[in-house]
Amino acid sequence: MRRSPLISAFIYFLLGALFTYFAIDDVQKNGWGFFSYLLIILATFDFGSGIKMILFHFKYKDQLKK
């Protein structure tokens, strides 16, 4: 069974929020380090993928209507 792009977008946003939380927590405890930057980069990729999945979902939905 295939997963909907909208469900995938939700998962990506959830992971992005989780990585952002971990990055904020790490910066408060240890300051800016390599791990903090890595978490921010991962969160950015996840939020970008989530937006891309949402756009794909609506584009695919419009293609099915035509």
Protein backbone atom coordinates (compact mmCIF):
# COMPACT_ATOMS: atom_id res chain seq x y z
CA MET A 1 0.00 0.00 0.00
CA ARG A 2 1.41 3.37 -1.04
CA ARG A 3 1.53 6.33 1.28
CA SER A 4 -0.09 9.61 0.28
CA PRO A 5 2.25 12.56 -0.39
CA LEU A 6 0.25 14.52 2.19
CA ILE A 7 1.05 11.92 4.88
CA SER A 8 4.72 12.01 3.85
CA ALA A 9 4.67 15.81 4.13
CA PHE A 10 3.27 15.54 7.65
CA ILE A 11 6.04 13.10 8.61
CA TYR A 12 8.70 15.41 7.15
CA PHE A 13 7.30 18.40 9.06
CA LEU A 14 7.22 16.34 12.24
CA LEU A 15 10.86 15.32 11.78
CA GLY A 16 11.82 18.92 10.97
CA ALA A 17 10.19 20.13 14.17
CA LEU A 18 11.91 17.38 16.15
CA PHE A 19 15.34 18.24 14.74
CA THR A 20 14.69 21.93 15.43
CA TYR A 21 13.81 21.14 19.03
CA PHE A 22 16.97 19.06 19.45
CA ALA A 23 19.07 21.82 17.89
CA ILE A 24 17.65 24.47 20.22
CA ASP A 25 18.22 22.21 23.21
CA ASP A 26 21.79 21.48 22.12
CA VAL A 27 22.60 25.16 21.60
CA GLN A 28 21.25 26.06 25.03
CA LYS A 29 23.32 23.35 26.71
CA ASN A 30 26.57 23.34 24.69
CA GLY A 31 26.56 26.42 22.48
CA TRP A 32 26.99 26.37 18.74
CA GLY A 33 28.93 23.33 17.59
CA PHE A 34 29.09 20.93 14.68
CA PHE A 35 26.17 18.85 15.95
CA SER A 36 23.94 21.94 16.27
CA TYR A 37 24.64 22.96 12.68
CA LEU A 38 24.02 19.39 11.51
CA LEU A 39 20.63 19.33 13.22
CA ILE A 40 19.66 22.67 11.68
CA ILE A 41 20.66 21.44 8.22
CA LEU A 42 18.62 18.24 8.67
CA ALA A 43 15.61 20.26 9.85
CA THR A 44 15.91 22.55 6.81
CA PHE A 45 15.99 19.58 4.43
CA ASP A 46 12.97 18.03 6.14
CA PHE A 47 10.91 21.25 6.00
CA GLY A 48 11.88 21.69 2.33
CA SER A 49 10.88 18.12 1.52
CA GLY A 50 7.60 18.60 3.36
CA ILE A 51 6.78 21.68 1.29
CA LYS A 52 7.74 19.86 -1.88
CA MET A 53 5.45 16.95 -0.97
CA ILE A 54 2.52 19.28 -0.30
CA LEU A 55 3.00 20.99 -3.66
CA PHE A 56 3.27 17.59 -5.36
CA HIS A 57 0.06 16.45 -3.66
CA PHE A 58 -1.94 19.40 -5.00
CA LYS A 59 -0.39 19.14 -8.46
CA TYR A 60 -1.16 15.41 -8.60
CA LYS A 61 -4.70 16.03 -7.37
CA ASP A 62 -5.25 18.61 -10.15
CA GLN A 63 -3.91 16.13 -12.75
CA LEU A 64 -6.41 13.51 -11.62
CA LYS A 65 -9.32 15.94 -12.03
CA LYS A 66 -8.42 16.67 -15.67
